[in-house]
Amino acid sequence: MNRIISIAIDGPAGAGKSSVARAVAERMNIVYLDTGAMYRTVALYMQSKGYTEDAEIAAHAEEVPIDVRFENGEQHMLLDGVDVTDKLRTPEASMLASRVGAIARVREVLVALQQRIARSTPVVMDGRDIGTVVLPDAPVKIFLTASAEVRAERRLKELRAAGRDADPEQVLKEIIERDYNDSHRAASPMRPAEDSVILDTSDMSKQAVIDRILEIAGKVEV
């Protein structure tokens, strides 16, 4: 596929954004950018430096030695040249990323980086504010959602598949807490763009979601 197109996929934690976005990008032969991994990388840096206060984190946002590389179609996150991708998918990293992502200066720095990437190549991008802030002119905007219970069940399976034990009630609690934090933050709160297509994936298979997004993208003239 040679045409230039940006696809913005937003939604809460556990809605299936990353796996769906990755599959759509693969089918369209364009770049998939996982913005959540970028926020987790910044959170990891702040944690390693002992920066815990919001003002402290904001003051050091521009100094984070973050880099995004793509190898064999896979996104790798680097901190000061070191690949930290495998350290980003813990529940602790997710919660910390939600907090760091609520800080306006952090979002400004990462949004600028995300927009630079999108200007240079066709891209599928997923996150919380892609359609509203990062790529407001994207011709395809999708908001994926599902019930908190379904999303918690998916996250639990993901954690157990990775060999991590997790308490179902705690996973659900963290999903609900993250939903609240993401949708009530002052900086770019999570919400559907006015022109986005809302897909509730609670009763949809992953393939059905992918096919629906490809169908929507196929109707767009760019």
N, C-alpha and C. Protein backbone atom coordinates (compact mmCIF):
# COMPACT_ATOMS: atom_id res chain seq x y z
N MET A 1 0.85 -1.19 0.00
CA MET A 1 0.00 0.00 0.00
C MET A 1 0.88 1.24 0.00
N ASN A 2 0.76 2.10 -1.01
CA ASN A 2 1.68 3.21 -1.18
C ASN A 2 1.11 4.56 -0.76
N ARG A 3 -0.20 4.66 -0.61
CA ARG A 3 -0.75 5.96 -0.28
C ARG A 3 -0.38 6.37 1.15
N ILE A 4 -0.29 7.67 1.38
CA ILE A 4 0.05 8.19 2.70
C ILE A 4 -1.23 8.27 3.53
N ILE A 5 -1.22 7.64 4.67
CA ILE A 5 -2.41 7.65 5.52
C ILE A 5 -1.98 7.50 6.97
N SER A 6 -2.69 8.19 7.85
CA SER A 6 -2.48 8.04 9.28
C SER A 6 -3.74 7.47 9.90
N ILE A 7 -3.58 6.50 10.77
CA ILE A 7 -4.71 5.90 11.46
C ILE A 7 -4.51 6.08 12.96
N ALA A 8 -5.46 6.74 13.60
CA ALA A 8 -5.40 7.00 15.04
C ALA A 8 -6.33 6.04 15.76
N ILE A 9 -5.79 5.27 16.70
CA ILE A 9 -6.60 4.33 17.48
C ILE A 9 -6.47 4.67 18.96
N ASP A 10 -7.56 5.10 19.56
CA ASP A 10 -7.57 5.47 20.97
C ASP A 10 -8.45 4.51 21.77
N GLY A 11 -8.34 4.61 23.09
CA GLY A 11 -9.20 3.80 23.94
C GLY A 11 -8.53 3.51 25.27
N PRO A 12 -9.29 2.96 26.21
CA PRO A 12 -8.77 2.69 27.55
C PRO A 12 -7.86 1.48 27.59
N ALA A 13 -7.21 1.28 28.72
CA ALA A 13 -6.31 0.15 28.92
C ALA A 13 -7.06 -1.17 28.74
N GLY A 14 -6.46 -2.11 28.02
CA GLY A 14 -7.04 -3.43 27.86
C GLY A 14 -8.08 -3.55 26.77
N ALA A 15 -8.27 -2.49 25.97
CA ALA A 15 -9.28 -2.54 24.91
C ALA A 15 -8.76 -3.28 23.67
N GLY A 16 -7.48 -3.60 23.67
CA GLY A 16 -6.91 -4.32 22.54
C GLY A 16 -6.27 -3.43 21.50
N LYS A 17 -5.99 -2.19 21.87
CA LYS A 17 -5.45 -1.22 20.91
C LYS A 17 -4.14 -1.67 20.29
N SER A 18 -3.20 -2.08 21.12
CA SER A 18 -1.86 -2.38 20.63
C SER A 18 -1.86 -3.55 19.65
N SER A 19 -2.50 -4.65 20.03
CA SER A 19 -2.49 -5.83 19.16
C SER A 19 -3.24 -5.57 17.86
N VAL A 20 -4.34 -4.84 17.96
CA VAL A 20 -5.13 -4.52 16.76
C VAL A 20 -4.36 -3.54 15.87
N ALA A 21 -3.80 -2.50 16.47
CA ALA A 21 -3.05 -1.51 15.69
C ALA A 21 -1.87 -2.15 14.99
N ARG A 22 -1.19 -3.04 15.69
CA ARG A 22 -0.03 -3.72 15.10
C ARG A 22 -0.46 -4.57 13.89
N ALA A 23 -1.58 -5.26 14.02
CA ALA A 23 -2.06 -6.11 12.94
C ALA A 23 -2.53 -5.28 11.74
N VAL A 24 -3.20 -4.17 12.02
CA VAL A 24 -3.65 -3.29 10.94
C VAL A 24 -2.46 -2.73 10.18
N ALA A 25 -1.45 -2.30 10.92
CA ALA A 25 -0.24 -1.76 10.28
C ALA A 25 0.43 -2.81 9.40
N GLU A 26 0.46 -4.03 9.91
CA GLU A 26 1.09 -5.12 9.15
C GLU A 26 0.31 -5.39 7.86
N ARG A 27 -1.01 -5.42 7.96
CA ARG A 27 -1.83 -5.67 6.78
C ARG A 27 -1.70 -4.55 5.75
N MET A 28 -1.51 -3.32 6.23
CA MET A 28 -1.41 -2.17 5.33
C MET A 28 0.04 -1.88 4.93
N ASN A 29 0.96 -2.61 5.53
CA ASN A 29 2.39 -2.44 5.25
C ASN A 29 2.86 -1.02 5.58
N ILE A 30 2.45 -0.54 6.74
CA ILE A 30 2.90 0.77 7.22
C ILE A 30 3.38 0.63 8.67
N VAL A 31 3.98 1.69 9.20
CA VAL A 31 4.59 1.66 10.53
C VAL A 31 3.54 1.68 11.64
N TYR A 32 3.72 0.86 12.65
CA TYR A 32 2.91 0.91 13.86
C TYR A 32 3.73 1.56 14.97
N LEU A 33 3.18 2.61 15.57
CA LEU A 33 3.87 3.29 16.67
C LEU A 33 3.06 3.12 17.95
N ASP A 34 3.64 2.43 18.92
CA ASP A 34 3.02 2.21 20.23
C ASP A 34 3.40 3.38 21.14
N THR A 35 2.50 4.36 21.28
CA THR A 35 2.81 5.54 22.09
C THR A 35 2.84 5.21 23.58
N GLY A 36 2.07 4.19 23.99
CA GLY A 36 2.09 3.80 25.40
C GLY A 36 3.48 3.37 25.84
N ALA A 37 4.20 2.71 24.94
CA ALA A 37 5.56 2.28 25.26
C ALA A 37 6.47 3.49 25.45
N MET A 38 6.17 4.57 24.75
CA MET A 38 6.98 5.78 24.90
C MET A 38 6.78 6.38 26.30
N TYR A 39 5.54 6.42 26.76
CA TYR A 39 5.27 6.95 28.10
C TYR A 39 5.85 6.04 29.18
N ARG A 40 5.78 4.73 28.95
CA ARG A 40 6.37 3.80 29.91
C ARG A 40 7.89 3.99 29.99
N THR A 41 8.50 4.30 28.85
CA THR A 41 9.94 4.50 28.83
C THR A 41 10.33 5.76 29.62
N VAL A 42 9.56 6.81 29.45
CA VAL A 42 9.81 8.03 30.23
C VAL A 42 9.60 7.76 31.71
N ALA A 43 8.55 7.00 32.04
CA ALA A 43 8.28 6.67 33.44
C ALA A 43 9.43 5.86 34.03
N LEU A 44 9.97 4.95 33.24
CA LEU A 44 11.10 4.13 33.70
C LEU A 44 12.32 5.01 33.99
N TYR A 45 12.53 5.99 33.14
CA TYR A 45 13.66 6.92 33.34
C TYR A 45 13.48 7.72 34.62
N MET A 46 12.28 8.28 34.81
CA MET A 46 12.02 9.09 36.00
C MET A 46 12.18 8.26 37.27
N GLN A 47 11.71 7.02 37.21
CA GLN A 47 11.84 6.13 38.36
C GLN A 47 13.31 5.85 38.67
N SER A 48 14.11 5.63 37.61
CA SER A 48 15.53 5.32 37.81
C SER A 48 16.30 6.49 38.39
N LYS A 49 15.81 7.70 38.12
CA LYS A 49 16.47 8.91 38.62
C LYS A 49 15.94 9.35 39.98
N GLY A 50 14.86 8.72 40.43
CA GLY A 50 14.27 9.09 41.71
C GLY A 50 13.42 10.34 41.65
N TYR A 51 12.98 10.71 40.44
CA TYR A 51 12.11 11.88 40.31
C TYR A 51 10.67 11.43 40.57
N THR A 52 10.07 11.92 41.63
CA THR A 52 8.74 11.47 42.01
C THR A 52 7.68 12.57 42.01
N GLU A 53 8.10 13.81 42.19
CA GLU A 53 7.15 14.93 42.22
C GLU A 53 6.83 15.39 40.80
N ASP A 54 5.57 15.80 40.58
CA ASP A 54 5.15 16.22 39.25
C ASP A 54 6.03 17.35 38.70
N ALA A 55 6.32 18.33 39.53
CA ALA A 55 7.13 19.47 39.08
C ALA A 55 8.54 19.01 38.69
N GLU A 56 9.05 18.05 39.43
CA GLU A 56 10.38 17.50 39.18
C GLU A 56 10.39 16.75 37.84
N ILE A 57 9.36 15.95 37.62
CA ILE A 57 9.25 15.19 36.38
C ILE A 57 9.11 16.12 35.18
N ALA A 58 8.29 17.15 35.33
CA ALA A 58 8.11 18.12 34.24
C ALA A 58 9.42 18.83 33.92
N ALA A 59 10.18 19.18 34.93
CA ALA A 59 11.43 19.91 34.74
C ALA A 59 12.47 19.09 33.98
N HIS A 60 12.37 17.75 34.09
CA HIS A 60 13.37 16.88 33.46
C HIS A 60 12.83 16.17 32.20
N ALA A 61 11.64 16.55 31.76
CA ALA A 61 11.01 15.86 30.63
C ALA A 61 11.84 15.91 29.35
N GLU A 62 12.47 17.04 29.09
CA GLU A 62 13.20 17.19 27.84
C GLU A 62 14.55 16.47 27.83
N GLU A 63 15.02 16.06 28.98
CA GLU A 63 16.36 15.46 29.04
C GLU A 63 16.34 13.93 28.86
N VAL A 64 15.15 13.35 28.79
CA VAL A 64 15.06 11.89 28.69
C VAL A 64 15.70 11.43 27.38
N PRO A 65 16.74 10.58 27.44
CA PRO A 65 17.43 10.13 26.22
C PRO A 65 16.67 8.99 25.54
N ILE A 66 15.48 9.30 25.05
CA ILE A 66 14.59 8.30 24.48
C ILE A 66 14.77 8.20 22.97
N ASP A 67 14.66 6.98 22.46
CA ASP A 67 14.76 6.77 21.02
C ASP A 67 13.84 5.62 20.63
N VAL A 68 13.27 5.71 19.43
CA VAL A 68 12.38 4.67 18.91
C VAL A 68 13.04 4.06 17.69
N ARG A 69 13.15 2.74 17.68
CA ARG A 69 13.73 2.06 16.53
C ARG A 69 12.83 0.91 16.10
N PHE A 70 12.83 0.64 14.82
CA PHE A 70 12.03 -0.45 14.28
C PHE A 70 12.96 -1.49 13.68
N GLU A 71 12.84 -2.72 14.17
CA GLU A 71 13.66 -3.82 13.69
C GLU A 71 12.76 -5.00 13.33
N ASN A 72 12.80 -5.40 12.07
CA ASN A 72 11.96 -6.51 11.58
C ASN A 72 10.49 -6.28 11.90
N GLY A 73 10.06 -5.02 11.76
CA GLY A 73 8.66 -4.69 11.99
C GLY A 73 8.28 -4.53 13.44
N GLU A 74 9.22 -4.68 14.36
CA GLU A 74 8.95 -4.55 15.79
C GLU A 74 9.51 -3.25 16.34
N GLN A 75 8.73 -2.60 17.19
CA GLN A 75 9.17 -1.35 17.81
C GLN A 75 10.02 -1.65 19.04
N HIS A 76 11.15 -0.98 19.12
CA HIS A 76 12.02 -1.11 20.28
C HIS A 76 12.22 0.26 20.91
N MET A 77 12.12 0.30 22.25
CA MET A 77 12.32 1.54 22.98
C MET A 77 13.70 1.53 23.62
N LEU A 78 14.43 2.61 23.40
CA LEU A 78 15.78 2.71 23.94
C LEU A 78 15.89 3.88 24.90
N LEU A 79 16.61 3.66 25.99
CA LEU A 79 16.94 4.71 26.94
C LEU A 79 18.46 4.85 26.95
N ASP A 80 18.92 5.97 26.49
CA ASP A 80 20.37 6.21 26.43
C ASP A 80 21.09 5.07 25.69
N GLY A 81 20.44 4.62 24.61
CA GLY A 81 21.04 3.58 23.78
C GLY A 81 20.80 2.16 24.23
N VAL A 82 20.14 1.96 25.38
CA VAL A 82 19.89 0.62 25.91
C VAL A 82 18.44 0.22 25.64
N ASP A 83 18.24 -0.95 25.06
CA ASP A 83 16.90 -1.43 24.76
C ASP A 83 16.19 -1.83 26.06
N VAL A 84 15.08 -1.13 26.38
CA VAL A 84 14.34 -1.40 27.62
C VAL A 84 12.95 -1.95 27.34
N THR A 85 12.72 -2.38 26.10
CA THR A 85 11.40 -2.84 25.68
C THR A 85 10.82 -3.91 26.61
N ASP A 86 11.63 -4.85 27.03
CA ASP A 86 11.15 -5.96 27.86
C ASP A 86 10.79 -5.54 29.28
N LYS A 87 11.12 -4.32 29.67
CA LYS A 87 10.85 -3.86 31.03
C LYS A 87 9.57 -3.01 31.13
N LEU A 88 8.85 -2.90 30.02
CA LEU A 88 7.78 -1.91 29.97
C LEU A 88 6.37 -2.45 30.20
N ARG A 89 6.18 -3.76 30.27
CA ARG A 89 4.83 -4.31 30.30
C ARG A 89 4.39 -4.82 31.66
N THR A 90 5.00 -4.37 32.73
CA THR A 90 4.56 -4.76 34.07
C THR A 90 3.40 -3.87 34.51
N PRO A 91 2.55 -4.35 35.44
CA PRO A 91 1.47 -3.51 35.96
C PRO A 91 2.00 -2.21 36.57
N GLU A 92 3.16 -2.31 37.22
CA GLU A 92 3.75 -1.11 37.84
C GLU A 92 4.12 -0.08 36.79
N ALA A 93 4.68 -0.55 35.67
CA ALA A 93 5.06 0.37 34.59
C ALA A 93 3.83 1.03 33.99
N SER A 94 2.73 0.29 33.88
CA SER A 94 1.50 0.84 33.32
C SER A 94 0.94 1.93 34.20
N MET A 95 0.88 1.68 35.52
CA MET A 95 0.34 2.68 36.43
C MET A 95 1.22 3.91 36.49
N LEU A 96 2.53 3.71 36.49
CA LEU A 96 3.46 4.84 36.53
C LEU A 96 3.37 5.65 35.25
N ALA A 97 3.19 4.97 34.12
CA ALA A 97 3.06 5.67 32.84
C ALA A 97 1.80 6.52 32.82
N SER A 98 0.73 6.03 33.44
CA SER A 98 -0.52 6.80 33.51
C SER A 98 -0.31 8.09 34.28
N ARG A 99 0.44 8.01 35.37
CA ARG A 99 0.71 9.20 36.18
C ARG A 99 1.62 10.17 35.45
N VAL A 100 2.71 9.65 34.88
CA VAL A 100 3.65 10.51 34.16
C VAL A 100 2.97 11.14 32.95
N GLY A 101 2.09 10.35 32.29
CA GLY A 101 1.39 10.85 31.11
C GLY A 101 0.40 11.95 31.40
N ALA A 102 0.05 12.13 32.67
CA ALA A 102 -0.87 13.20 33.04
C ALA A 102 -0.16 14.54 33.19
N ILE A 103 1.15 14.54 33.10
CA ILE A 103 1.93 15.77 33.26
C ILE A 103 2.09 16.44 31.90
N ALA A 104 1.61 17.67 31.81
CA ALA A 104 1.52 18.37 30.52
C ALA A 104 2.85 18.44 29.79
N ARG A 105 3.93 18.73 30.50
CA ARG A 105 5.22 18.90 29.82
C ARG A 105 5.71 17.59 29.21
N VAL A 106 5.45 16.48 29.89
CA VAL A 106 5.82 15.18 29.34
C VAL A 106 5.06 14.93 28.05
N ARG A 107 3.77 15.22 28.07
CA ARG A 107 2.95 15.01 26.88
C ARG A 107 3.42 15.90 25.72
N GLU A 108 3.77 17.13 26.02
CA GLU A 108 4.24 18.04 24.97
C GLU A 108 5.48 17.48 24.28
N VAL A 109 6.40 16.99 25.08
CA VAL A 109 7.66 16.46 24.53
C VAL A 109 7.40 15.23 23.66
N LEU A 110 6.58 14.31 24.16
CA LEU A 110 6.35 13.08 23.42
C LEU A 110 5.42 13.28 22.23
N VAL A 111 4.44 14.17 22.35
CA VAL A 111 3.57 14.46 21.21
C VAL A 111 4.37 15.04 20.05
N ALA A 112 5.31 15.91 20.36
CA ALA A 112 6.16 16.48 19.31
C ALA A 112 6.94 15.38 18.59
N LEU A 113 7.46 14.42 19.35
CA LEU A 113 8.20 13.31 18.76
C LEU A 113 7.28 12.43 17.92
N GLN A 114 6.08 12.15 18.43
CA GLN A 114 5.12 11.33 17.69
C GLN A 114 4.70 12.01 16.38
N GLN A 115 4.51 13.31 16.42
CA GLN A 115 4.11 14.04 15.21
C GLN A 115 5.23 14.07 14.18
N ARG A 116 6.47 14.16 14.64
CA ARG A 116 7.60 14.12 13.71
C ARG A 116 7.65 12.78 12.97
N ILE A 117 7.41 11.71 13.72
CA ILE A 117 7.41 10.38 13.10
C ILE A 117 6.29 10.27 12.07
N ALA A 118 5.09 10.77 12.44
CA ALA A 118 3.94 10.67 11.55
C ALA A 118 4.11 11.51 10.28
N ARG A 119 4.87 12.59 10.38
CA ARG A 119 5.10 13.43 9.18
C ARG A 119 6.04 12.76 8.20
N SER A 120 6.84 11.82 8.69
CA SER A 120 7.86 11.22 7.84
C SER A 120 7.42 9.90 7.20
N THR A 121 6.32 9.31 7.69
CA THR A 121 5.93 8.00 7.18
C THR A 121 4.45 7.72 7.47
N PRO A 122 3.79 6.93 6.63
CA PRO A 122 2.43 6.49 6.97
C PRO A 122 2.48 5.71 8.28
N VAL A 123 1.49 5.87 9.12
CA VAL A 123 1.59 5.31 10.46
C VAL A 123 0.24 4.93 11.03
N VAL A 124 0.23 3.85 11.81
CA VAL A 124 -0.89 3.52 12.68
C VAL A 124 -0.41 3.80 14.09
N MET A 125 -1.13 4.65 14.81
CA MET A 125 -0.69 5.07 16.13
C MET A 125 -1.81 4.82 17.14
N ASP A 126 -1.48 4.26 18.29
CA ASP A 126 -2.51 4.04 19.30
C ASP A 126 -2.11 4.69 20.62
N GLY A 127 -3.12 5.07 21.39
CA GLY A 127 -2.87 5.72 22.67
C GLY A 127 -4.16 6.18 23.31
N ARG A 128 -4.11 7.32 23.98
CA ARG A 128 -5.29 7.87 24.66
C ARG A 128 -5.79 9.15 23.99
N ASP A 129 -4.89 9.87 23.30
CA ASP A 129 -5.28 11.18 22.74
C ASP A 129 -4.77 11.35 21.31
N ILE A 130 -4.65 10.25 20.58
CA ILE A 130 -4.10 10.33 19.23
C ILE A 130 -5.04 11.12 18.30
N GLY A 131 -6.32 10.76 18.30
CA GLY A 131 -7.27 11.43 17.42
C GLY A 131 -7.61 12.84 17.83
N THR A 132 -7.47 13.15 19.12
CA THR A 132 -7.84 14.47 19.61
C THR A 132 -6.68 15.46 19.64
N VAL A 133 -5.45 14.95 19.88
CA VAL A 133 -4.32 15.86 20.07
C VAL A 133 -3.15 15.58 19.12
N VAL A 134 -2.72 14.33 19.06
CA VAL A 134 -1.51 14.01 18.31
C VAL A 134 -1.73 14.08 16.80
N LEU A 135 -2.78 13.43 16.33
CA LEU A 135 -3.09 13.42 14.89
C LEU A 135 -4.54 13.85 14.66
N PRO A 136 -4.86 15.10 14.97
CA PRO A 136 -6.25 15.55 14.83
C PRO A 136 -6.74 15.56 13.38
N ASP A 137 -5.82 15.54 12.42
CA ASP A 137 -6.20 15.54 11.01
C ASP A 137 -6.14 14.15 10.39
N ALA A 138 -5.92 13.13 11.20
CA ALA A 138 -5.87 11.77 10.66
C ALA A 138 -7.19 11.44 9.97
N PRO A 139 -7.13 10.86 8.76
CA PRO A 139 -8.37 10.55 8.04
C PRO A 139 -9.15 9.39 8.63
N VAL A 140 -8.48 8.57 9.45
CA VAL A 140 -9.15 7.44 10.09
C VAL A 140 -8.92 7.54 11.60
N LYS A 141 -10.01 7.65 12.35
CA LYS A 141 -9.94 7.73 13.81
C LYS A 141 -10.87 6.68 14.41
N ILE A 142 -10.29 5.84 15.25
CA ILE A 142 -11.04 4.76 15.87
C ILE A 142 -10.93 4.88 17.38
N PHE A 143 -12.03 4.68 18.10
CA PHE A 143 -11.99 4.62 19.56
C PHE A 143 -12.46 3.23 19.97
N LEU A 144 -11.50 2.41 20.44
CA LEU A 144 -11.82 1.06 20.89
C LEU A 144 -12.16 1.06 22.37
N THR A 145 -13.19 0.33 22.72
CA THR A 145 -13.54 0.22 24.13
C THR A 145 -14.09 -1.17 24.41
N ALA A 146 -14.31 -1.46 25.66
CA ALA A 146 -14.90 -2.72 26.11
C ALA A 146 -15.21 -2.54 27.59
N SER A 147 -16.02 -3.41 28.14
CA SER A 147 -16.35 -3.28 29.56
C SER A 147 -15.08 -3.47 30.39
N ALA A 148 -15.07 -2.88 31.58
CA ALA A 148 -13.90 -3.01 32.46
C ALA A 148 -13.63 -4.47 32.80
N GLU A 149 -14.69 -5.26 32.97
CA GLU A 149 -14.53 -6.66 33.32
C GLU A 149 -13.85 -7.44 32.18
N VAL A 150 -14.28 -7.19 30.96
CA VAL A 150 -13.68 -7.86 29.80
C VAL A 150 -12.22 -7.45 29.64
N ARG A 151 -11.95 -6.18 29.83
CA ARG A 151 -10.57 -5.70 29.69
C ARG A 151 -9.67 -6.26 30.79
N ALA A 152 -10.20 -6.39 31.99
CA ALA A 152 -9.42 -6.96 33.08
C ALA A 152 -9.11 -8.43 32.81
N GLU A 153 -10.08 -9.15 32.25
CA GLU A 153 -9.87 -10.56 31.92
C GLU A 153 -8.78 -10.70 30.85
N ARG A 154 -8.80 -9.81 29.87
CA ARG A 154 -7.78 -9.85 28.82
C ARG A 154 -6.40 -9.56 29.40
N ARG A 155 -6.32 -8.56 30.26
CA ARG A 155 -5.05 -8.19 30.86
C ARG A 155 -4.51 -9.34 31.73
N LEU A 156 -5.42 -10.00 32.44
CA LEU A 156 -5.02 -11.12 33.29
C LEU A 156 -4.40 -12.25 32.45
N LYS A 157 -5.03 -12.56 31.32
CA LYS A 157 -4.51 -13.59 30.42
C LYS A 157 -3.14 -13.19 29.88
N GLU A 158 -3.00 -11.90 29.56
CA GLU A 158 -1.74 -11.40 29.03
C GLU A 158 -0.62 -11.56 30.07
N LEU A 159 -0.92 -11.22 31.32
CA LEU A 159 0.08 -11.31 32.38
C LEU A 159 0.46 -12.77 32.65
N ARG A 160 -0.53 -13.64 32.69
CA ARG A 160 -0.26 -15.04 32.97
C ARG A 160 0.50 -15.69 31.82
N ALA A 161 0.22 -15.26 30.59
CA ALA A 161 0.95 -15.79 29.44
C ALA A 161 2.42 -15.38 29.50
N ALA A 162 2.67 -14.24 30.15
CA ALA A 162 4.04 -13.77 30.30
C ALA A 162 4.72 -14.36 31.54
N GLY A 163 4.00 -15.27 32.22
CA GLY A 163 4.57 -15.93 33.38
C GLY A 163 4.46 -15.14 34.66
N ARG A 164 3.56 -14.13 34.70
CA ARG A 164 3.39 -13.32 35.90
C ARG A 164 2.08 -13.68 36.58
N ASP A 165 2.14 -13.93 37.87
CA ASP A 165 0.93 -14.23 38.64
C ASP A 165 0.24 -12.92 38.95
N ALA A 166 -1.09 -12.92 38.93
CA ALA A 166 -1.83 -11.70 39.19
C ALA A 166 -3.17 -12.02 39.83
N ASP A 167 -3.64 -11.15 40.70
CA ASP A 167 -4.92 -11.31 41.37
C ASP A 167 -6.02 -10.66 40.52
N PRO A 168 -7.05 -11.41 40.12
CA PRO A 168 -8.10 -10.86 39.26
C PRO A 168 -8.75 -9.58 39.79
N GLU A 169 -9.03 -9.55 41.09
CA GLU A 169 -9.66 -8.37 41.67
C GLU A 169 -8.73 -7.16 41.61
N GLN A 170 -7.45 -7.39 41.81
CA GLN A 170 -6.48 -6.30 41.75
C GLN A 170 -6.33 -5.78 40.33
N VAL A 171 -6.33 -6.68 39.36
CA VAL A 171 -6.22 -6.27 37.96
C VAL A 171 -7.42 -5.41 37.57
N LEU A 172 -8.62 -5.82 37.98
CA LEU A 172 -9.83 -5.05 37.68
C LEU A 172 -9.77 -3.68 38.36
N LYS A 173 -9.33 -3.67 39.61
CA LYS A 173 -9.20 -2.40 40.34
C LYS A 173 -8.25 -1.45 39.62
N GLU A 174 -7.14 -1.98 39.13
CA GLU A 174 -6.16 -1.14 38.44
C GLU A 174 -6.70 -0.62 37.10
N ILE A 175 -7.49 -1.45 36.41
CA ILE A 175 -8.11 -1.02 35.16
C ILE A 175 -9.05 0.15 35.41
N ILE A 176 -9.89 0.02 36.44
CA ILE A 176 -10.86 1.08 36.76
C ILE A 176 -10.15 2.34 37.20
N GLU A 177 -9.10 2.18 38.00
CA GLU A 177 -8.34 3.34 38.47
C GLU A 177 -7.65 4.04 37.31
N ARG A 178 -7.09 3.25 36.39
CA ARG A 178 -6.42 3.87 35.25
C ARG A 178 -7.43 4.56 34.34
N ASP A 179 -8.60 3.99 34.15
CA ASP A 179 -9.64 4.63 33.36
C ASP A 179 -9.94 6.02 33.92
N TYR A 180 -10.10 6.07 35.24
CA TYR A 180 -10.43 7.35 35.88
C TYR A 180 -9.29 8.35 35.69
N ASN A 181 -8.08 7.91 35.94
CA ASN A 181 -6.93 8.81 35.81
C ASN A 181 -6.79 9.33 34.38
N ASP A 182 -6.92 8.44 33.40
CA ASP A 182 -6.73 8.83 32.01
C ASP A 182 -7.83 9.77 31.51
N SER A 183 -9.05 9.58 31.99
CA SER A 183 -10.16 10.39 31.50
C SER A 183 -10.36 11.69 32.28
N HIS A 184 -9.71 11.80 33.45
CA HIS A 184 -9.88 13.00 34.26
C HIS A 184 -8.62 13.87 34.35
N ARG A 185 -7.56 13.47 33.69
CA ARG A 185 -6.34 14.28 33.76
C ARG A 185 -6.57 15.61 33.06
N ALA A 186 -5.86 16.64 33.51
CA ALA A 186 -6.00 17.97 32.93
C ALA A 186 -5.38 18.05 31.54
N ALA A 187 -4.27 17.34 31.33
CA ALA A 187 -3.57 17.38 30.05
C ALA A 187 -4.08 16.28 29.13
N SER A 188 -4.76 16.69 28.06
CA SER A 188 -5.23 15.76 27.03
C SER A 188 -5.96 14.55 27.59
N PRO A 189 -7.08 14.74 28.25
CA PRO A 189 -7.80 13.60 28.82
C PRO A 189 -8.27 12.64 27.73
N MET A 190 -8.39 11.37 28.08
CA MET A 190 -8.86 10.36 27.13
C MET A 190 -10.33 10.57 26.81
N ARG A 191 -10.63 10.71 25.54
CA ARG A 191 -12.02 10.84 25.08
C ARG A 191 -12.04 10.59 23.58
N PRO A 192 -13.17 10.14 23.05
CA PRO A 192 -13.25 9.93 21.60
C PRO A 192 -13.23 11.27 20.87
N ALA A 193 -12.53 11.33 19.73
CA ALA A 193 -12.62 12.52 18.88
C ALA A 193 -14.03 12.58 18.32
N GLU A 194 -14.50 13.78 18.01
CA GLU A 194 -15.87 13.94 17.53
C GLU A 194 -16.14 13.14 16.26
N ASP A 195 -15.11 12.98 15.43
CA ASP A 195 -15.28 12.27 14.16
C ASP A 195 -14.73 10.85 14.20
N SER A 196 -14.55 10.30 15.40
CA SER A 196 -14.03 8.93 15.48
C SER A 196 -15.16 7.92 15.39
N VAL A 197 -14.81 6.72 14.95
CA VAL A 197 -15.74 5.60 14.93
C VAL A 197 -15.53 4.82 16.23
N ILE A 198 -16.57 4.67 17.03
CA ILE A 198 -16.46 3.97 18.31
C ILE A 198 -16.79 2.49 18.12
N LEU A 199 -15.85 1.64 18.50
CA LEU A 199 -16.05 0.20 18.38
C LEU A 199 -15.97 -0.43 19.76
N ASP A 200 -17.08 -1.01 20.22
CA ASP A 200 -17.08 -1.76 21.47
C ASP A 200 -16.66 -3.18 21.16
N THR A 201 -15.51 -3.58 21.65
CA THR A 201 -14.94 -4.88 21.31
C THR A 201 -15.28 -5.98 22.30
N SER A 202 -16.17 -5.68 23.24
CA SER A 202 -16.50 -6.67 24.29
C SER A 202 -16.88 -8.01 23.71
N ASP A 203 -17.69 -7.99 22.64
CA ASP A 203 -18.17 -9.24 22.04
C ASP A 203 -17.64 -9.43 20.63
N MET A 204 -16.53 -8.77 20.31
CA MET A 204 -15.94 -8.90 18.98
C MET A 204 -14.62 -9.66 19.07
N SER A 205 -14.37 -10.49 18.09
CA SER A 205 -13.07 -11.16 18.02
C SER A 205 -12.04 -10.15 17.54
N LYS A 206 -10.78 -10.43 17.83
CA LYS A 206 -9.71 -9.56 17.37
C LYS A 206 -9.75 -9.41 15.85
N GLN A 207 -9.97 -10.51 15.15
CA GLN A 207 -9.99 -10.45 13.68
C GLN A 207 -11.14 -9.60 13.18
N ALA A 208 -12.29 -9.67 13.86
CA ALA A 208 -13.44 -8.86 13.45
C ALA A 208 -13.14 -7.37 13.60
N VAL A 209 -12.44 -7.01 14.65
CA VAL A 209 -12.06 -5.61 14.87
C VAL A 209 -11.09 -5.16 13.79
N ILE A 210 -10.10 -5.99 13.51
CA ILE A 210 -9.11 -5.65 12.47
C ILE A 210 -9.80 -5.46 11.13
N ASP A 211 -10.68 -6.38 10.77
CA ASP A 211 -11.38 -6.30 9.49
C ASP A 211 -12.23 -5.03 9.39
N ARG A 212 -12.85 -4.67 10.51
CA ARG A 212 -13.70 -3.46 10.50
C ARG A 212 -12.86 -2.21 10.29
N ILE A 213 -11.71 -2.12 10.93
CA ILE A 213 -10.85 -0.95 10.77
C ILE A 213 -10.30 -0.89 9.35
N LEU A 214 -9.90 -2.02 8.80
CA LEU A 214 -9.42 -2.05 7.41
C LEU A 214 -10.51 -1.64 6.44
N GLU A 215 -11.74 -2.03 6.74
CA GLU A 215 -12.87 -1.63 5.92
C GLU A 215 -13.06 -0.11 5.95
N ILE A 216 -12.95 0.47 7.15
CA ILE A 216 -13.08 1.92 7.30
C ILE A 216 -11.96 2.63 6.56
N ALA A 217 -10.73 2.14 6.74
CA ALA A 217 -9.57 2.76 6.08
C ALA A 217 -9.67 2.66 4.57
N GLY A 218 -10.24 1.57 4.09
CA GLY A 218 -10.34 1.37 2.64
C GLY A 218 -11.29 2.32 1.96
N LYS A 219 -12.17 2.94 2.74
CA LYS A 219 -13.15 3.87 2.17
C LYS A 219 -12.67 5.31 2.19
N VAL A 220 -11.49 5.55 2.77
CA VAL A 220 -10.98 6.91 2.91
C VAL A 220 -10.19 7.32 1.69
N GLU A 221 -10.45 8.52 1.18
CA GLU A 221 -9.72 9.04 0.06
C GLU A 221 -8.65 10.00 0.58
N VAL A 222 -7.39 9.76 0.23
CA VAL A 222 -6.31 10.63 0.67
C VAL A 222 -5.45 11.02 -0.51
